[in-house]
């Protein structure tokens, strides 16, 4: 069921656009109070709640909160305030970004050079972003001076070597950077949750920074909502660290491997890199060894207390048919579920099974939907059709089966019979084991 999602696999878009879209969405929803020019100066927590001390141009004040999410970036002061330990590794690789707009636009395609002859046999990235701006990433010597290598005359010389002396271009922005990898050892400290770059920092290869930050938010948001509505046990919040720390450490590992391929250490690493490049020029099998960045993925969860052993896998945003024949997607189905768990029953079902599903929906925050093929006869009021089997494949089940989907589009559990195993899976995904017939 790969490559069936309604989203494109990879697009380049400037971060300020993402931030703008998020602010616009916040304003549309009308549920969030954005306070500009406010800076948190202290954080304390106790058994009853947490306290934030805040300073503004108009004066200082304090906020009392049940939970606090720190998404303030890699220089966050919250790590120090709660004594969070961090596993970190600093690299010596240096890069310089040149965002460029050309008078005569080059063909729209991505290029990656590992040993670019126009960059002293160092790596170069060339990607198109929004507004006809091309981002050119140049790998620099490890001892390069950031101020010198980002001067406009030096940047233009570098661009001229690549595109030719007669190329008309506008330099939109220049940014030298180095990168490091780090990850807090605990993503939850009492009432405080670390998220995004506040939780972990990775090199930019594979776009695993911002994308996994969004996944952090998806993971925690529905759990906090369920706990605050008393629909789930507070113990569910522990699974945020279990799931997202596993993802964070994996992403650090993957991006560090790319960094080592692009700037290998002398000896075996350099020998392997040179051998991989040599083989890739002649043999297709070796091209998968060329590591210029493994793209961000929805990480599986293998250590979660909130998932059964059959769960922990992501569900792609595939399409299906609503009961009226119109096209729907997984994201729309989750939106219809309105923050509740989603129990999907694939294939025909007995009257007893449908009755048990209805009873479950009455006692727990679960919406139940029967998923039929092109010709199946519905036994439930809420049903959709999956004529091509994309939805069933995305849920990682086959034949007559059920899948319990969480609001963050992850499988909590799968099974074959509508029995106590489904009830137990619902309870586990809400932070507590349930007994059949008892409320969540």
Protein backbone atom coordinates (compact mmCIF):
# COMPACT_ATOMS: atom_id res chain seq x y z
CA UNK A 1 0.00 0.00 0.00
CA UNK A 2 2.89 2.34 -0.66
CA UNK A 3 2.46 5.62 -2.56
CA UNK A 4 -1.34 5.64 -2.31
CA UNK A 5 -1.59 8.66 -0.03
CA UNK A 6 -3.46 11.74 -1.19
CA UNK A 7 -0.44 13.85 -0.17
CA UNK A 8 2.56 14.27 -2.49
CA UNK A 9 5.61 12.38 -1.24
CA UNK A 10 7.96 15.35 -1.03
CA UNK A 11 7.67 19.08 -1.62
CA UNK A 12 9.97 21.98 -0.74
CA UNK A 13 8.30 24.92 0.95
CA UNK A 14 9.80 27.70 3.01
CA UNK A 15 9.32 27.50 6.77
CA UNK A 16 7.76 30.95 7.01
CA UNK A 17 4.89 29.74 4.81
CA UNK A 18 4.24 26.82 7.16
CA UNK A 19 4.27 29.17 10.14
CA UNK A 20 1.87 31.52 8.35
CA UNK A 21 -0.50 28.69 7.45
CA UNK A 22 -0.53 27.53 11.07
CA UNK A 23 -1.32 31.02 12.38
CA UNK A 24 -4.14 31.38 9.84
CA UNK A 25 -5.57 28.01 10.90
CA UNK A 26 -5.36 28.96 14.58
CA UNK A 27 -7.31 32.12 13.83
CA UNK A 28 -9.93 30.14 11.88
CA UNK A 29 -10.47 27.72 14.76
CA UNK A 30 -10.72 30.49 17.34
CA UNK A 31 -9.67 28.21 20.21
CA UNK A 32 -6.11 29.38 20.81
CA UNK A 33 -4.90 32.64 22.33
CA UNK A 34 -1.72 33.77 20.53
CA UNK A 35 0.27 36.19 22.68
CA UNK A 36 2.99 37.92 20.67
CA UNK A 37 6.03 39.50 22.40
CA UNK A 38 5.56 37.27 25.44
CA UNK A 39 8.64 35.49 26.83
CA UNK A 40 8.63 32.75 29.45
CA UNK A 41 11.23 33.48 32.14
CA UNK A 42 10.60 30.67 34.63
CA UNK A 43 8.78 27.36 35.01
CA UNK A 44 7.72 25.53 38.16
CA UNK A 45 5.48 22.54 38.73
CA UNK A 46 3.91 20.74 41.65
CA UNK A 47 1.34 18.03 42.26
CA UNK A 48 -1.53 20.38 41.42
CA UNK A 49 -0.22 22.01 38.25
CA UNK A 50 2.48 24.11 36.58
CA UNK A 51 3.29 27.81 36.74
CA UNK A 52 4.81 29.91 33.95
CA UNK A 53 6.36 33.31 34.66
CA UNK A 54 6.07 35.60 31.64
CA UNK A 55 7.49 38.99 30.76
CA UNK A 56 6.09 41.38 28.13
CA UNK A 57 6.67 45.02 27.12
CA UNK A 58 3.49 45.84 29.05
CA UNK A 59 4.58 44.04 32.23
CA UNK A 60 4.99 40.63 33.82
CA UNK A 61 2.41 38.02 34.77
CA UNK A 62 2.02 34.33 35.62
CA UNK A 63 -0.05 31.51 34.14
CA UNK A 64 -1.23 28.42 35.98
CA UNK A 65 -1.63 25.36 33.74
CA UNK A 66 -2.38 21.66 33.94
CA UNK A 67 0.14 20.81 31.23
CA UNK A 68 2.86 22.71 29.36
CA UNK A 69 4.22 21.86 25.90
CA UNK A 70 7.68 23.19 25.09
CA UNK A 71 8.09 23.75 21.35
CA UNK A 72 10.49 26.68 21.70
CA UNK A 73 13.36 25.17 19.72
CA UNK A 74 16.83 23.83 20.37
CA UNK A 75 17.84 26.74 22.63
CA UNK A 76 14.92 26.12 24.97
CA UNK A 77 15.45 27.14 28.60
CA UNK A 78 13.00 24.46 29.77
CA UNK A 79 15.67 21.76 29.58
CA UNK A 80 17.67 23.58 32.25
CA UNK A 81 14.61 24.39 34.35
CA UNK A 82 13.60 20.72 34.67
CA UNK A 83 17.13 19.31 34.63
CA UNK A 84 16.59 17.35 31.43
CA UNK A 85 19.56 15.24 30.34
CA UNK A 86 20.49 15.32 26.65
CA UNK A 87 22.39 12.90 24.43
CA UNK A 88 24.23 15.03 21.86
CA UNK A 89 26.84 14.83 19.14
CA UNK A 90 28.31 17.84 17.37
CA UNK A 91 29.62 17.50 13.82
CA UNK A 92 32.22 19.55 12.01
CA UNK A 93 30.46 19.62 8.63
CA UNK A 94 29.83 23.13 7.28
CA UNK A 95 27.30 24.22 4.66
CA UNK A 96 26.13 27.44 3.05
CA UNK A 97 22.65 27.96 1.61
CA UNK A 98 22.07 30.28 -1.32
CA UNK A 99 18.41 30.97 -2.14
CA UNK A 100 18.37 32.19 -5.74
CA UNK A 101 15.82 33.38 -8.28
CA UNK A 102 16.92 33.00 -11.92
CA UNK A 103 15.97 35.27 -14.83
CA UNK A 104 15.71 32.16 -17.02
CA UNK A 105 14.25 29.40 -14.89
CA UNK A 106 16.12 26.07 -15.02
CA UNK A 107 14.17 22.84 -15.61
CA UNK A 108 12.09 21.85 -12.60
CA UNK A 109 13.99 18.92 -11.17
CA UNK A 110 16.00 18.12 -8.08
CA UNK A 111 19.72 17.58 -8.26
CA UNK A 112 22.13 16.17 -5.72
CA UNK A 113 25.87 16.03 -6.29
CA UNK A 114 28.05 14.18 -3.81
CA UNK A 115 31.33 15.21 -5.42
CA UNK A 116 30.44 18.30 -7.46
CA UNK A 117 33.37 19.40 -9.66
CA UNK A 118 32.19 23.02 -9.37
CA UNK A 119 32.36 22.81 -5.55
CA UNK A 120 35.83 21.32 -5.05
CA UNK A 121 34.38 17.79 -5.13
CA UNK A 122 32.06 18.47 -2.22
CA UNK A 123 28.30 17.92 -2.04
CA UNK A 124 25.68 20.26 -3.53
CA UNK A 125 21.86 20.21 -3.31
CA UNK A 126 19.61 22.03 -5.79
CA UNK A 127 15.85 22.13 -5.00
CA UNK A 128 13.03 24.37 -6.18
CA UNK A 129 10.88 25.99 -3.49
CA UNK A 130 7.93 28.38 -3.60
CA UNK A 131 8.01 31.75 -5.39
CA UNK A 132 10.42 30.40 -8.04
CA UNK A 133 13.23 30.40 -5.49
CA UNK A 134 15.90 27.72 -5.86
CA UNK A 135 17.70 26.55 -2.74
CA UNK A 136 21.31 25.67 -3.47
CA UNK A 137 23.11 23.96 -0.58
CA UNK A 138 26.91 23.94 -0.81
CA UNK A 139 29.05 21.76 1.41
CA UNK A 140 32.03 23.76 2.70
CA UNK A 141 35.43 22.78 4.14
CA UNK A 142 35.17 21.84 7.84
CA UNK A 143 37.38 24.80 8.81
CA UNK A 144 35.45 27.32 6.68
CA UNK A 145 34.76 30.76 8.17
CA UNK A 146 30.95 31.28 8.19
CA UNK A 147 31.22 35.04 7.75
CA UNK A 148 33.61 34.81 4.82
CA UNK A 149 31.79 32.03 2.98
CA UNK A 150 28.47 33.89 3.17
CA UNK A 151 29.74 37.17 1.66
CA UNK A 152 27.79 38.06 -1.48
CA UNK A 153 30.86 38.19 -3.74
CA UNK A 154 31.96 34.74 -2.54
CA UNK A 155 28.44 33.33 -2.99
CA UNK A 156 28.19 34.78 -6.51
CA UNK A 157 31.53 33.27 -7.44
CA UNK A 158 30.29 29.91 -6.22
CA UNK A 159 27.05 30.22 -8.21
CA UNK A 160 28.93 31.31 -11.32
CA UNK A 161 31.11 28.20 -11.21
CA UNK A 162 27.95 26.10 -11.22
CA UNK A 163 25.67 27.97 -13.64
CA UNK A 164 28.04 29.95 -15.85
CA UNK A 165 29.18 33.56 -16.04
CA UNK A 166 26.25 34.74 -18.16
CA UNK A 167 23.51 33.53 -15.81
CA UNK A 168 21.28 36.32 -14.51
CA UNK A 169 20.16 35.72 -10.95
CA UNK A 170 18.93 37.41 -7.80
CA UNK A 171 20.30 36.27 -4.46
CA UNK A 172 17.28 36.17 -2.15
CA UNK A 173 18.97 34.91 1.01
CA UNK A 174 22.25 33.39 2.18
CA UNK A 175 22.63 31.25 5.29
CA UNK A 176 25.76 29.45 6.53
CA UNK A 177 25.12 26.65 8.97
CA UNK A 178 26.57 23.70 10.82
CA UNK A 179 24.49 20.98 12.38
CA UNK A 180 24.44 18.73 15.38
CA UNK A 181 22.31 15.88 16.66
CA UNK A 182 20.82 15.82 20.12
CA UNK A 183 17.86 14.27 21.90
CA UNK A 184 16.48 14.70 25.39
CA UNK A 185 16.53 11.43 27.28
CA UNK A 186 12.98 11.97 28.55
CA UNK A 187 10.36 13.78 26.47
CA UNK A 188 8.02 14.06 29.44
CA UNK A 189 9.00 15.67 32.73
CA UNK A 190 5.93 15.68 34.93
CA UNK A 191 3.53 18.21 33.43
CA UNK A 192 6.04 19.35 30.81
CA UNK A 193 6.31 17.78 27.35
CA UNK A 194 9.21 18.46 24.98
CA UNK A 195 8.29 18.68 21.31
CA UNK A 196 9.99 19.45 17.99
CA UNK A 197 13.52 20.87 18.17
CA UNK A 198 13.10 21.36 21.91
CA UNK A 199 13.04 17.55 22.13
CA UNK A 200 15.56 16.62 19.46
CA UNK A 201 17.73 18.18 16.77
CA UNK A 202 18.76 16.36 13.60
CA UNK A 203 20.72 17.31 10.52
CA UNK A 204 18.53 18.53 7.64
CA UNK A 205 19.01 15.48 5.43
CA UNK A 206 15.67 13.86 4.67
CA UNK A 207 13.51 16.67 6.08
CA UNK A 208 13.17 14.84 9.40
CA UNK A 209 13.18 17.96 11.58
CA UNK A 210 9.96 19.84 10.90
CA UNK A 211 8.09 16.75 9.73
CA UNK A 212 8.76 14.84 12.94
CA UNK A 213 7.88 17.94 14.95
CA UNK A 214 4.43 17.85 13.39
CA UNK A 215 4.24 14.14 14.23
CA UNK A 216 5.08 15.01 17.85
CA UNK A 217 2.13 17.40 17.90
CA UNK A 218 -0.21 14.86 16.30
CA UNK A 219 0.80 12.27 18.86
CA UNK A 220 0.34 14.38 21.97
CA UNK A 221 -2.67 16.50 20.99
CA UNK A 222 -5.29 13.75 20.91
CA UNK A 223 -3.94 12.17 24.09
CA UNK A 224 -4.07 15.43 26.03
CA UNK A 225 -7.58 16.09 24.71
CA UNK A 226 -8.78 12.63 25.76
CA UNK A 227 -7.29 12.98 29.24
CA UNK A 228 -8.68 16.48 29.76
CA UNK A 229 -12.14 15.26 28.69
CA UNK A 230 -11.76 12.37 31.17
CA UNK A 231 -12.13 9.95 28.27
CA UNK A 232 -8.70 8.44 28.94
CA UNK A 233 -6.48 7.71 31.90
CA UNK A 234 -3.66 10.19 32.69
CA UNK A 235 -1.33 7.20 32.29
CA UNK A 236 -1.88 7.50 28.53
CA UNK A 237 0.39 10.55 28.51
CA UNK A 238 3.40 8.36 29.33
CA UNK A 239 3.08 6.79 25.88
CA UNK A 240 4.05 10.13 24.31
CA UNK A 241 7.64 9.62 25.45
CA UNK A 242 7.59 5.91 24.61
CA UNK A 243 6.49 6.52 21.04
CA UNK A 244 8.09 9.80 20.09
CA UNK A 245 11.44 9.17 21.79
CA UNK A 246 11.72 5.94 19.82
CA UNK A 247 11.03 7.95 16.66
CA UNK A 248 13.47 10.70 17.66
CA UNK A 249 16.38 8.37 18.37
CA UNK A 250 15.76 6.55 15.09
CA UNK A 251 15.74 9.82 13.15
CA UNK A 252 18.99 10.91 14.82
CA UNK A 253 20.53 7.58 13.78
CA UNK A 254 19.31 7.84 10.18
CA UNK A 255 20.46 11.44 9.67
CA UNK A 256 23.84 10.75 11.28
CA UNK A 257 24.38 7.94 8.79
CA UNK A 258 23.72 10.36 5.94
CA UNK A 259 26.12 12.90 7.44
CA UNK A 260 28.84 10.25 7.66
CA UNK A 261 28.26 9.28 4.02
CA UNK A 262 28.52 12.88 2.84
CA UNK A 263 31.60 13.61 4.92
CA UNK A 264 33.15 10.24 5.71
CA UNK A 265 35.97 9.88 8.18
CA UNK A 266 39.33 8.80 6.71
CA UNK A 267 39.71 5.05 6.55
CA UNK A 268 36.89 2.54 6.27
CA UNK A 269 34.09 5.15 5.98
CA UNK A 270 35.82 6.88 3.06
CA UNK A 271 36.61 3.54 1.43
CA UNK A 272 32.98 2.43 1.70
CA UNK A 273 31.67 5.73 0.31
CA UNK A 274 34.05 5.63 -2.67
CA UNK A 275 33.20 1.99 -3.38
CA UNK A 276 29.46 2.68 -3.20
CA UNK A 277 29.75 5.59 -5.63
CA UNK A 278 31.89 3.58 -8.02
CA UNK A 279 29.49 0.65 -8.06
CA UNK A 280 26.42 2.91 -8.36
CA UNK A 281 27.75 4.38 -11.61
CA UNK A 282 27.65 0.94 -13.20
CA UNK A 283 25.17 -1.21 -11.28
CA UNK A 284 21.57 -0.45 -10.32
CA UNK A 285 21.69 -2.60 -7.15
CA UNK A 286 24.34 -0.32 -5.63
CA UNK A 287 22.36 2.90 -6.06
CA UNK A 288 20.39 2.24 -2.89
CA UNK A 289 23.70 2.46 -1.01
CA UNK A 290 24.12 6.09 -2.08
CA UNK A 291 22.89 7.95 0.99
CA UNK A 292 22.10 11.59 0.26
CA UNK A 293 19.26 11.59 2.79
CA UNK A 294 16.53 9.11 3.68
CA UNK A 295 13.22 10.95 3.47
CA UNK A 296 11.09 11.48 6.56
CA UNK A 297 8.59 8.73 7.28
CA UNK A 298 5.87 8.07 9.82
CA UNK A 299 7.91 6.08 12.33
CA UNK A 300 6.50 2.79 13.65
CA UNK A 301 6.01 2.40 17.40
CA UNK A 302 7.36 -0.89 18.73
CA UNK A 303 7.71 0.03 22.42
CA UNK A 304 4.36 1.66 23.17
CA UNK A 305 2.28 0.71 26.18
CA UNK A 306 -0.74 2.16 24.32
CA UNK A 307 -0.57 -0.26 21.37
CA UNK A 308 -1.10 -3.98 21.10
CA UNK A 309 1.66 -5.97 19.42
CA UNK A 310 -0.43 -5.86 16.21
CA UNK A 311 -0.49 -2.06 16.32
CA UNK A 312 1.99 0.79 16.17
CA UNK A 313 2.01 1.21 12.38
CA UNK A 314 0.94 4.37 10.51
CA UNK A 315 -2.08 4.53 8.21
CA UNK A 316 -1.60 6.32 4.90
CA UNK A 317 -4.16 8.88 3.81
CA UNK A 318 -5.64 6.60 1.17
CA UNK A 319 -9.00 7.05 -0.51
CA UNK A 320 -12.24 5.05 -0.33
CA UNK A 321 -15.93 5.64 -1.12
CA UNK A 322 -18.47 7.05 1.29
CA UNK A 323 -21.85 5.32 1.43
CA UNK A 324 -23.21 7.78 -1.16
CA UNK A 325 -20.43 6.88 -3.63
CA UNK A 326 -18.40 10.06 -3.21
CA UNK A 327 -14.66 9.91 -2.64
CA UNK A 328 -13.29 10.10 0.89
CA UNK A 329 -9.88 9.89 2.53
CA UNK A 330 -8.56 8.55 5.82
CA UNK A 331 -8.00 12.08 7.10
CA UNK A 332 -11.64 12.92 6.40
CA UNK A 333 -12.76 9.74 8.15
CA UNK A 334 -10.69 10.67 11.20
CA UNK A 335 -12.16 14.17 11.12
CA UNK A 336 -15.62 12.60 11.10
CA UNK A 337 -14.61 10.54 14.16
CA UNK A 338 -14.04 13.89 15.92
CA UNK A 339 -11.10 12.95 18.12
CA UNK A 340 -12.47 9.53 19.06
CA UNK A 341 -10.92 6.17 18.29
CA UNK A 342 -12.08 4.63 15.03
CA UNK A 343 -12.96 0.94 14.84
CA UNK A 344 -13.06 -0.32 11.26
CA UNK A 345 -14.73 -3.68 10.61
CA UNK A 346 -13.76 -5.12 7.22
CA UNK A 347 -16.20 -7.37 5.38
CA UNK A 348 -19.51 -8.93 6.34
CA UNK A 349 -20.48 -9.11 10.01
CA UNK A 350 -22.93 -11.14 12.05
CA UNK A 351 -25.75 -9.50 13.96
CA UNK A 352 -23.94 -10.36 17.19
CA UNK A 353 -20.72 -8.68 16.08
CA UNK A 354 -22.54 -5.53 15.06
CA UNK A 355 -24.36 -5.51 18.38
CA UNK A 356 -21.08 -5.74 20.29
CA UNK A 357 -19.71 -2.86 18.25
CA UNK A 358 -22.74 -0.72 19.08
CA UNK A 359 -22.37 -1.54 22.77
CA UNK A 360 -18.69 -0.60 22.66
CA UNK A 361 -19.48 2.73 21.00
CA UNK A 362 -21.98 3.49 23.77
CA UNK A 363 -19.48 2.90 26.59
CA UNK A 364 -16.18 4.15 25.14
CA UNK A 365 -15.00 7.03 22.91
CA UNK A 366 -15.07 4.91 19.76
CA UNK A 367 -16.76 5.47 16.40
CA UNK A 368 -17.46 2.23 14.51
CA UNK A 369 -17.60 1.87 10.72
CA UNK A 370 -18.14 -1.18 8.54
CA UNK A 371 -15.87 -1.31 5.48
CA UNK A 372 -17.29 -3.21 2.50
CA UNK A 373 -16.09 -4.11 -0.96
CA UNK A 374 -17.83 -2.99 -4.12
CA UNK A 375 -20.76 -5.41 -3.74
CA UNK A 376 -21.05 -6.14 -0.02
CA UNK A 377 -24.34 -5.57 1.74
CA UNK A 378 -24.11 -3.20 4.71
CA UNK A 379 -25.19 -4.40 8.12
CA UNK A 380 -24.29 -1.17 9.91
CA UNK A 381 -25.66 2.33 9.44
CA UNK A 382 -22.14 3.76 9.33
CA UNK A 383 -20.36 2.11 6.44
CA UNK A 384 -17.99 2.93 3.59
CA UNK A 385 -16.78 1.03 0.55
CA UNK A 386 -13.22 0.07 -0.29
CA UNK A 387 -13.51 -1.41 -3.79
CA UNK A 388 -9.77 -1.43 -4.47
CA UNK A 389 -8.73 -2.56 -1.01
CA UNK A 390 -6.59 0.51 -0.38
CA UNK A 391 -8.08 1.26 3.02
CA UNK A 392 -7.71 -2.32 4.20
CA UNK A 393 -4.11 -2.44 2.99
CA UNK A 394 -3.31 0.85 4.70
CA UNK A 395 -4.64 -0.63 7.97
CA UNK A 396 -2.32 -3.65 7.58
CA UNK A 397 -5.08 -6.29 7.73
CA UNK A 398 -6.46 -8.88 5.32
CA UNK A 399 -9.80 -10.65 4.90
CA UNK A 400 -12.44 -10.42 7.63
CA UNK A 401 -10.75 -8.35 10.31
CA UNK A 402 -10.94 -5.21 12.39
CA UNK A 403 -8.50 -2.35 12.90
CA UNK A 404 -8.56 0.19 15.72
CA UNK A 405 -7.27 3.55 14.44
CA UNK A 406 -6.17 6.41 16.66
CA UNK A 407 -6.83 10.10 15.92
CA UNK A 408 -3.17 10.53 14.87
CA UNK A 409 -3.71 7.96 12.08
CA UNK A 410 -1.88 5.09 13.75
CA UNK A 411 -3.13 1.54 14.20
CA UNK A 412 -3.63 0.80 17.90
CA UNK A 413 -4.48 -2.87 17.31
CA UNK A 414 -5.92 -5.32 14.80
CA UNK A 415 -7.81 -8.58 15.16
CA UNK A 416 -10.20 -11.03 13.56
CA UNK A 417 -13.16 -11.33 15.94
CA UNK A 418 -15.31 -8.68 17.62
CA UNK A 419 -14.70 -9.92 21.14
CA UNK A 420 -12.87 -9.05 24.34
CA UNK A 421 -9.64 -8.48 22.42
CA UNK A 422 -11.11 -5.35 20.82
CA UNK A 423 -12.43 -4.11 24.16
CA UNK A 424 -9.00 -4.66 25.71
CA UNK A 425 -7.32 -2.83 22.81
CA UNK A 426 -9.62 0.16 23.30
CA UNK A 427 -8.77 0.27 26.98
CA UNK A 428 -5.05 -0.03 26.35
CA UNK A 429 -5.09 2.72 23.74
CA UNK A 430 -6.74 4.97 26.35
CA UNK A 431 -4.20 4.22 29.05
CA UNK A 432 -6.12 1.63 31.07
CA UNK A 433 -7.29 -1.96 30.61
CA UNK A 434 -11.07 -2.20 30.31
CA UNK A 435 -13.46 -5.02 30.92
CA UNK A 436 -16.20 -5.66 28.41
CA UNK A 437 -19.25 -3.56 29.14
CA UNK A 438 -17.48 -1.12 31.46
CA UNK A 439 -17.17 2.54 30.49
CA UNK A 440 -13.84 4.01 29.42
